[in-house]
Structure formats: C-alpha cells, structure tokens
C-alpha atoms as a PDB file:
ATOM      1  CA  UNK A   1       0.422   0.231  -0.184  1.00  0.00           C
ATOM      2  CA  UNK A   2       3.392   2.287   0.841  1.00  0.00           C
ATOM      3  CA  UNK A   3       4.331   1.638  -3.022  1.00  0.00           C
ATOM      4  CA  UNK A   4       1.459   2.695  -4.261  1.00  0.00           C
ATOM      5  CA  UNK A   5       0.969   5.638  -2.656  1.00  0.00           C
ATOM      6  CA  UNK A   6       4.218   6.509  -3.361  1.00  0.00           C
ATOM      7  CA  UNK A   7       4.125   5.703  -7.042  1.00  0.00           C
ATOM      8  CA  UNK A   8       0.841   7.837  -6.847  1.00  0.00           C
ATOM      9  CA  UNK A   9       1.901  10.785  -5.673  1.00  0.00           C
ATOM     10  CA  UNK A  10       4.845  10.784  -7.728  1.00  0.00           C
ATOM     11  CA  UNK A  11       2.829  10.509 -10.883  1.00  0.00           C
ATOM     12  CA  UNK A  12       0.651  13.371  -9.654  1.00  0.00           C
ATOM     13  CA  UNK A  13       3.811  15.724  -9.831  1.00  0.00           C
ATOM     14  CA  UNK A  14       5.196  14.413 -12.855  1.00  0.00           C
ATOM     15  CA  UNK A  15       1.739  15.555 -13.923  1.00  0.00           C
ATOM     16  CA  UNK A  16       2.091  18.849 -12.341  1.00  0.00           C
ATOM     17  CA  UNK A  17       5.575  19.165 -14.031  1.00  0.00           C
ATOM     18  CA  UNK A  18       4.408  18.041 -17.376  1.00  0.00           C
ATOM     19  CA  UNK A  19       1.805  20.494 -17.363  1.00  0.00           C
ATOM     20  CA  UNK A  20       4.221  23.314 -16.240  1.00  0.00           C
ATOM     21  CA  UNK A  21       5.770  22.554 -19.333  1.00  0.00           C
ATOM     22  CA  UNK A  22       2.907  22.445 -21.714  1.00  0.00           C
ATOM     23  CA  UNK A  23       2.488  25.182 -24.557  1.00  0.00           C
ATOM     24  CA  UNK A  24      -1.878  24.707 -25.787  1.00  0.00           C
ATOM     25  CA  UNK A  25      -2.944  26.917 -28.332  1.00  0.00           C
ATOM     26  CA  UNK A  26      -6.282  28.626 -27.767  1.00  0.00           C
ATOM     27  CA  UNK A  27      -8.308  29.856 -30.717  1.00  0.00           C
ATOM     28  CA  UNK A  28     -11.374  31.787 -30.120  1.00  0.00           C
ATOM     29  CA  UNK A  29     -14.210  31.876 -33.222  1.00  0.00           C
ATOM     30  CA  UNK A  30     -17.123  33.362 -33.800  1.00  0.00           C
ATOM     31  CA  UNK A  31     -19.885  31.600 -31.443  1.00  0.00           C
ATOM     32  CA  UNK A  32     -21.325  32.537 -28.753  1.00  0.00           C
ATOM     33  CA  UNK A  33     -19.956  31.423 -25.137  1.00  0.00           C
ATOM     34  CA  UNK A  34     -16.456  32.715 -25.543  1.00  0.00           C
ATOM     35  CA  UNK A  35     -16.112  32.834 -21.725  1.00  0.00           C
ATOM     36  CA  UNK A  36     -15.520  29.392 -22.300  1.00  0.00           C
ATOM     37  CA  UNK A  37     -12.149  30.136 -23.666  1.00  0.00           C
ATOM     38  CA  UNK A  38     -11.175  33.142 -21.215  1.00  0.00           C
ATOM     39  CA  UNK A  39     -11.682  30.650 -18.800  1.00  0.00           C
ATOM     40  CA  UNK A  40      -9.832  27.930 -20.104  1.00  0.00           C
ATOM     41  CA  UNK A  41      -6.794  31.142 -20.653  1.00  0.00           C
ATOM     42  CA  UNK A  42      -7.086  31.870 -17.081  1.00  0.00           C
ATOM     43  CA  UNK A  43      -6.914  28.272 -16.142  1.00  0.00           C
ATOM     44  CA  UNK A  44      -4.677  26.373 -18.239  1.00  0.00           C
ATOM     45  CA  UNK A  45      -0.568  26.198 -16.832  1.00  0.00           C
ATOM     46  CA  UNK A  46       2.379  25.855 -18.866  1.00  0.00           C
ATOM     47  CA  UNK A  47       2.874  28.562 -21.706  1.00  0.00           C
ATOM     48  CA  UNK A  48      -0.664  29.739 -23.799  1.00  0.00           C
ATOM     49  CA  UNK A  49      -0.788  31.594 -27.026  1.00  0.00           C
ATOM     50  CA  UNK A  50      -3.880  33.066 -28.023  1.00  0.00           C
ATOM     51  CA  UNK A  51      -5.718  33.620 -31.887  1.00  0.00           C
ATOM     52  CA  UNK A  52      -9.014  34.931 -31.671  1.00  0.00           C
ATOM     53  CA  UNK A  53     -10.584  35.160 -35.208  1.00  0.00           C
ATOM     54  CA  UNK A  54     -12.514  38.106 -36.062  1.00  0.00           C
ATOM     55  CA  UNK A  55     -15.843  37.242 -35.350  1.00  0.00           C
ATOM     56  CA  UNK A  56     -14.501  35.813 -31.959  1.00  0.00           C
ATOM     57  CA  UNK A  57     -14.009  39.600 -31.056  1.00  0.00           C
ATOM     58  CA  UNK A  58     -17.106  40.970 -31.623  1.00  0.00           C
ATOM     59  CA  UNK A  59     -18.454  38.093 -30.270  1.00  0.00           C
ATOM     60  CA  UNK A  60     -16.065  39.132 -27.126  1.00  0.00           C
ATOM     61  CA  UNK A  61     -17.373  42.669 -26.866  1.00  0.00           C
ATOM     62  CA  UNK A  62     -21.256  41.668 -27.191  1.00  0.00           C
ATOM     63  CA  UNK A  63     -20.731  39.307 -24.922  1.00  0.00           C
ATOM     64  CA  UNK A  64     -18.274  40.368 -22.425  1.00  0.00           C
ATOM     65  CA  UNK A  65     -17.309  43.867 -22.812  1.00  0.00           C
ATOM     66  CA  UNK A  66     -14.002  42.428 -23.928  1.00  0.00           C
ATOM     67  CA  UNK A  67     -11.824  43.894 -26.295  1.00  0.00           C
ATOM     68  CA  UNK A  68      -8.887  41.774 -28.292  1.00  0.00           C
ATOM     69  CA  UNK A  69      -6.255  43.252 -25.717  1.00  0.00           C
ATOM     70  CA  UNK A  70      -7.723  41.887 -23.313  1.00  0.00           C
ATOM     71  CA  UNK A  71      -8.205  38.190 -24.477  1.00  0.00           C
ATOM     72  CA  UNK A  72      -4.399  38.686 -25.362  1.00  0.00           C
ATOM     73  CA  UNK A  73      -3.313  40.061 -22.046  1.00  0.00           C
ATOM     74  CA  UNK A  74      -4.533  36.734 -20.845  1.00  0.00           C
ATOM     75  CA  UNK A  75      -2.055  34.799 -22.812  1.00  0.00           C
ATOM     76  CA  UNK A  76       2.363  34.598 -23.199  1.00  0.00           C
ATOM     77  CA  UNK A  77       1.191  35.299 -26.778  1.00  0.00           C
ATOM     78  CA  UNK A  78      -0.930  36.194 -29.451  1.00  0.00           C
ATOM     79  CA  UNK A  79      -1.129  36.012 -33.400  1.00  0.00           C
ATOM     80  CA  UNK A  80      -3.544  37.681 -35.930  1.00  0.00           C
ATOM     81  CA  UNK A  81      -5.768  35.539 -37.354  1.00  0.00           C
ATOM     82  CA  UNK A  82      -4.635  36.138 -40.307  1.00  0.00           C
ATOM     83  CA  UNK A  83      -0.959  35.883 -39.701  1.00  0.00           C
ATOM     84  CA  UNK A  84      -0.183  32.539 -42.146  1.00  0.00           C
ATOM     85  CA  UNK A  85       3.062  33.446 -41.701  1.00  0.00           C
ATOM     86  CA  UNK A  86       3.329  32.907 -37.611  1.00  0.00           C
ATOM     87  CA  UNK A  87       5.749  30.260 -36.482  1.00  0.00           C
ATOM     88  CA  UNK A  88       2.827  28.353 -35.623  1.00  0.00           C
ATOM     89  CA  UNK A  89       1.437  27.785 -38.889  1.00  0.00           C
ATOM     90  CA  UNK A  90       4.228  25.351 -39.045  1.00  0.00           C
ATOM     91  CA  UNK A  91       4.734  21.464 -38.439  1.00  0.00           C
ATOM     92  CA  UNK A  92       8.092  21.935 -37.677  1.00  0.00           C
ATOM     93  CA  UNK A  93       7.061  24.369 -34.884  1.00  0.00           C
ATOM     94  CA  UNK A  94       6.519  22.660 -31.757  1.00  0.00           C
ATOM     95  CA  UNK A  95       3.368  23.444 -29.376  1.00  0.00           C
ATOM     96  CA  UNK A  96       1.782  20.611 -27.511  1.00  0.00           C
ATOM     97  CA  UNK A  97      -1.654  20.968 -28.191  1.00  0.00           C
ATOM     98  CA  UNK A  98      -4.673  23.226 -29.652  1.00  0.00           C
ATOM     99  CA  UNK A  99      -7.681  23.768 -27.928  1.00  0.00           C
ATOM    100  CA  UNK A 100     -10.718  26.394 -29.924  1.00  0.00           C
ATOM    101  CA  UNK A 101     -12.911  27.458 -27.167  1.00  0.00           C
ATOM    102  CA  UNK A 102     -15.734  28.360 -28.460  1.00  0.00           C
ATOM    103  CA  UNK A 103     -15.036  26.411 -32.176  1.00  0.00           C
ATOM    104  CA  UNK A 104     -17.666  27.690 -34.472  1.00  0.00           C
ATOM    105  CA  UNK A 105     -19.408  24.933 -36.667  1.00  0.00           C
ATOM    106  CA  UNK A 106     -17.449  27.196 -39.833  1.00  0.00           C
ATOM    107  CA  UNK A 107     -14.281  26.430 -38.531  1.00  0.00           C
ATOM    108  CA  UNK A 108     -14.816  23.016 -37.512  1.00  0.00           C
ATOM    109  CA  UNK A 109     -16.333  21.927 -41.382  1.00  0.00           C
ATOM    110  CA  UNK A 110     -13.054  23.939 -42.359  1.00  0.00           C
ATOM    111  CA  UNK A 111     -11.009  21.639 -40.100  1.00  0.00           C
ATOM    112  CA  UNK A 112     -12.596  18.609 -40.929  1.00  0.00           C
ATOM    113  CA  UNK A 113     -12.492  19.820 -45.027  1.00  0.00           C
ATOM    114  CA  UNK A 114      -8.233  20.297 -44.592  1.00  0.00           C
ATOM    115  CA  UNK A 115      -8.820  23.803 -45.265  1.00  0.00           C
ATOM    116  CA  UNK A 116      -6.331  25.719 -43.420  1.00  0.00           C
ATOM    117  CA  UNK A 117      -7.402  29.700 -45.017  1.00  0.00           C
ATOM    118  CA  UNK A 118      -6.377  31.040 -41.715  1.00  0.00           C
ATOM    119  CA  UNK A 119      -3.690  30.968 -38.553  1.00  0.00           C
ATOM    120  CA  UNK A 120      -6.542  28.743 -35.907  1.00  0.00           C
ATOM    121  CA  UNK A 121      -7.639  26.366 -38.944  1.00  0.00           C
ATOM    122  CA  UNK A 122      -4.252  26.103 -40.189  1.00  0.00           C
ATOM    123  CA  UNK A 123      -2.946  25.213 -36.808  1.00  0.00           C
ATOM    124  CA  UNK A 124      -5.707  22.436 -35.969  1.00  0.00           C
ATOM    125  CA  UNK A 125      -4.614  20.919 -39.302  1.00  0.00           C
ATOM    126  CA  UNK A 126      -1.026  20.979 -38.422  1.00  0.00           C
ATOM    127  CA  UNK A 127      -2.227  19.602 -34.321  1.00  0.00           C
ATOM    128  CA  UNK A 128      -3.695  16.707 -36.907  1.00  0.00           C
ATOM    129  CA  UNK A 129      -1.259  15.539 -39.177  1.00  0.00           C
ATOM    130  CA  UNK A 130       2.251  16.588 -36.424  1.00  0.00           C
ATOM    131  CA  UNK A 131      -0.799  13.944 -33.910  1.00  0.00           C
ATOM    132  CA  UNK A 132      -0.959  16.470 -31.247  1.00  0.00           C
ATOM    133  CA  UNK A 133      -3.541  17.183 -28.468  1.00  0.00           C
ATOM    134  CA  UNK A 134      -7.059  18.787 -30.568  1.00  0.00           C
ATOM    135  CA  UNK A 135     -10.159  19.647 -29.021  1.00  0.00           C
ATOM    136  CA  UNK A 136     -12.862  21.187 -30.392  1.00  0.00           C
ATOM    137  CA  UNK A 137     -15.629  23.036 -27.951  1.00  0.00           C
ATOM    138  CA  UNK A 138     -18.829  23.340 -29.975  1.00  0.00           C
ATOM    139  CA  UNK A 139     -21.263  26.057 -29.220  1.00  0.00           C
ATOM    140  CA  UNK A 140     -23.967  25.452 -31.802  1.00  0.00           C
ATOM    141  CA  UNK A 141     -27.632  23.627 -31.414  1.00  0.00           C
ATOM    142  CA  UNK A 142     -28.845  21.641 -32.778  1.00  0.00           C
ATOM    143  CA  UNK A 143     -26.874  19.834 -35.723  1.00  0.00           C
ATOM    144  CA  UNK A 144     -27.338  19.438 -38.748  1.00  0.00           C
ATOM    145  CA  UNK A 145     -25.849  16.273 -40.276  1.00  0.00           C
ATOM    146  CA  UNK A 146     -23.162  17.695 -42.255  1.00  0.00           C
ATOM    147  CA  UNK A 147     -22.165  18.653 -38.700  1.00  0.00           C
ATOM    148  CA  UNK A 148     -22.619  15.186 -37.757  1.00  0.00           C
ATOM    149  CA  UNK A 149     -20.354  14.156 -40.739  1.00  0.00           C
ATOM    150  CA  UNK A 150     -17.931  16.691 -40.089  1.00  0.00           C
ATOM    151  CA  UNK A 151     -17.675  15.731 -36.236  1.00  0.00           C
ATOM    152  CA  UNK A 152     -17.070  12.252 -36.934  1.00  0.00           C
ATOM    153  CA  UNK A 153     -14.620  12.721 -39.706  1.00  0.00           C
ATOM    154  CA  UNK A 154     -12.783  15.109 -37.312  1.00  0.00           C
ATOM    155  CA  UNK A 155     -12.839  11.987 -34.440  1.00  0.00           C
ATOM    156  CA  UNK A 156     -11.372   9.576 -36.636  1.00  0.00           C
ATOM    157  CA  UNK A 157      -8.342  11.510 -37.746  1.00  0.00           C
ATOM    158  CA  UNK A 158      -7.680  12.369 -33.748  1.00  0.00           C
ATOM    159  CA  UNK A 159      -9.181  15.182 -32.478  1.00  0.00           C
ATOM    160  CA  UNK A 160     -11.455  15.470 -29.454  1.00  0.00           C
ATOM    161  CA  UNK A 161     -14.962  16.814 -30.392  1.00  0.00           C
ATOM    162  CA  UNK A 162     -16.388  18.263 -27.119  1.00  0.00           C
ATOM    163  CA  UNK A 163     -19.904  19.635 -27.400  1.00  0.00           C
ATOM    164  CA  UNK A 164     -20.402  22.684 -24.586  1.00  0.00           C
ATOM    165  CA  UNK A 165     -22.755  20.491 -22.555  1.00  0.00           C
ATOM    166  CA  UNK A 166     -22.033  21.368 -18.640  1.00  0.00           C
ATOM    167  CA  UNK A 167     -23.560  19.079 -15.997  1.00  0.00           C
ATOM    168  CA  UNK A 168     -26.551  19.167 -13.558  1.00  0.00           C
ATOM    169  CA  UNK A 169     -25.428  16.614 -11.418  1.00  0.00           C
ATOM    170  CA  UNK A 170     -22.897  18.837  -9.115  1.00  0.00           C
ATOM    171  CA  UNK A 171     -25.963  21.435  -8.559  1.00  0.00           C
ATOM    172  CA  UNK A 172     -24.223  24.360 -10.081  1.00  0.00           C
ATOM    173  CA  UNK A 173     -25.629  27.504  -8.261  1.00  0.00           C
ATOM    174  CA  UNK A 174     -24.280  29.747 -11.018  1.00  0.00           C
ATOM    175  CA  UNK A 175     -22.901  30.142 -14.349  1.00  0.00           C
ATOM    176  CA  UNK A 176     -19.954  30.064 -13.316  1.00  0.00           C
ATOM    177  CA  UNK A 177     -19.860  26.817 -12.054  1.00  0.00           C
ATOM    178  CA  UNK A 178     -21.463  25.686 -15.290  1.00  0.00           C
ATOM    179  CA  UNK A 179     -18.625  27.156 -16.788  1.00  0.00           C
ATOM    180  CA  UNK A 180     -15.852  25.375 -14.584  1.00  0.00           C
ATOM    181  CA  UNK A 181     -17.371  21.955 -15.414  1.00  0.00           C
ATOM    182  CA  UNK A 182     -17.143  22.685 -19.315  1.00  0.00           C
ATOM    183  CA  UNK A 183     -13.765  24.136 -18.914  1.00  0.00           C
ATOM    184  CA  UNK A 184     -12.413  21.329 -16.143  1.00  0.00           C
ATOM    185  CA  UNK A 185     -13.853  18.494 -18.720  1.00  0.00           C
ATOM    186  CA  UNK A 186     -11.075  20.531 -21.597  1.00  0.00           C
ATOM    187  CA  UNK A 187      -8.790  19.992 -19.001  1.00  0.00           C
ATOM    188  CA  UNK A 188      -9.436  16.507 -18.309  1.00  0.00           C
ATOM    189  CA  UNK A 189      -8.911  15.701 -22.138  1.00  0.00           C
ATOM    190  CA  UNK A 190      -5.355  17.395 -22.025  1.00  0.00           C
ATOM    191  CA  UNK A 191      -4.330  15.215 -19.682  1.00  0.00           C
ATOM    192  CA  UNK A 192      -4.535  18.449 -17.558  1.00  0.00           C
ATOM    193  CA  UNK A 193      -5.056  17.608 -13.435  1.00  0.00           C
ATOM    194  CA  UNK A 194      -7.741  20.222 -12.104  1.00  0.00           C
ATOM    195  CA  UNK A 195      -9.989  20.692  -9.301  1.00  0.00           C
ATOM    196  CA  UNK A 196     -12.845  22.782 -11.534  1.00  0.00           C
ATOM    197  CA  UNK A 197     -15.626  20.511 -10.912  1.00  0.00           C
ATOM    198  CA  UNK A 198     -17.243  18.095  -8.490  1.00  0.00           C
ATOM    199  CA  UNK A 199     -16.041  14.588  -9.797  1.00  0.00           C
ATOM    200  CA  UNK A 200     -19.275  11.971 -10.191  1.00  0.00           C
ATOM    201  CA  UNK A 201     -18.356   9.771  -6.764  1.00  0.00           C
ATOM    202  CA  UNK A 202     -21.835   7.675  -7.330  1.00  0.00           C
ATOM    203  CA  UNK A 203     -25.222   7.646  -6.128  1.00  0.00           C
ATOM    204  CA  UNK A 204     -28.052   5.637  -4.533  1.00  0.00           C
ATOM    205  CA  UNK A 205     -29.317   3.026  -7.081  1.00  0.00           C
ATOM    206  CA  UNK A 206     -32.866   3.937  -8.002  1.00  0.00           C
ATOM    207  CA  UNK A 207     -36.167   1.949  -6.418  1.00  0.00           C
ATOM    208  CA  UNK A 208     -37.566  -0.689  -8.575  1.00  0.00           C
ATOM    209  CA  UNK A 209     -40.748  -0.003  -9.438  1.00  0.00           C
ATOM    210  CA  UNK A 210     -43.390  -2.863  -8.153  1.00  0.00           C
ATOM    211  CA  UNK A 211     -44.738  -5.293 -10.290  1.00  0.00           C
ATOM    212  CA  UNK A 212     -47.721  -5.206  -8.947  1.00  0.00           C
ATOM    213  CA  UNK A 213     -51.080  -5.329 -11.096  1.00  0.00           C
ATOM    214  CA  UNK A 214     -51.637  -2.090 -10.264  1.00  0.00           C
ATOM    215  CA  UNK A 215     -50.234   1.158 -12.142  1.00  0.00           C
ATOM    216  CA  UNK A 216     -48.017   3.733 -10.066  1.00  0.00           C
ATOM    217  CA  UNK A 217     -50.031   6.791 -10.498  1.00  0.00           C
ATOM    218  CA  UNK A 218     -49.117   9.584 -12.434  1.00  0.00           C
END
C-alpha cells in the first residue's frame, strides 16, 4: 500500500511538472460562449498562445465587453488570425495541444475538410497531421447531418469533439460553476490535473418499481 501511495504521489507531481512545461494554443472563434475560452486561458498551466478570429473578437465585445487586447493579455503570446507567416503555421514548430473554445461549426467544417485559410484552421490542421492534441468545443444546436458528418470525420482523425454541455449532478449554483465544469472537462482531455468541478462519486440506485397489477399513479 505504501509503495502504491508513493507511486501515486510521484505520478501526480510528474503530471504537474509536465503540465507546467506545456504549450497550449487557444483559438477563439465566432460562436457564442467566449467565456469558455477566457476561463480556459485563466486555468491553463504552462505557456499559452491565443488566436482570436475577427468574429470571435466581435462576440467577445458583445457578450463580455472585452476587446482583443483584453484577450491577448490572458496569454503569453498572441497572433492575428490572418498571420499565416506565424511560426505556429509550420509543423516544424513544437506546441503540445490546441483548443478551440468556442469553436464555430464553420471553423469545425473547414478543419474537417483540410482547409487552412486562416491561422486557427491552419494550426488545427498541423495538430492533426503531427498527432498533437486537438480539442474542439462546439457551441451550436441543433446539429445538421453535415455537422455530425464533419464531427465524425474529425473524431476519426484524432480530434476530441466536445459539445459545450455542462452537467447538473454537481447542482451548480451559478453560471460560473457551469462554465467551470466544461472547462474542467477540457483540461481532462488535455490530461491536466484540475479541481474546477465536482466529480461524480456514485449515487444511490433507483428503487425498482412494483410489478403488481396496479399502475403507479401519474
């Protein structure tokens, strides 16, 4: 038991060390839910780089009253979405993961089709071809068969396709707690230790219904 405990502690500190060395690129695109990207930038360990699309910047101002400079200040580096000469546009430049939060279905569809006509979609293409982690936080509902087909294509290519779906078993008391649940799940996908949300610990099994002849009253 002592040995197992020691290994567990060593593994925990090793993950912390690796997380502190991570370089994560965060893309913010033109979908509602800019708060997810903002909260993620505040929670990520290591080095962060942010790229904000023109539409993402407009929605950030509409939803949160933030201008691009406010978003850039949350990361160690930033690039324009039109800057295809950025070092990150090349697979020869190392980064560990990319998260697009929120990810519009237009951006998702471009990535699924291999279109890299802006920096966000180009970095995502690099992540796929170089086998680096790519998480797409989709903020759209309902979804068409075209959207679902593109999600399947991306999942098969190695991306994590994550709808922005908060859970309600932790009984959230605020919008911030609901946001933290989703951001915590993103960090889980990146294998980053976090305590942003309450994890499921099990619950009591539902009582079986009576099999008698009388129907339960509605």
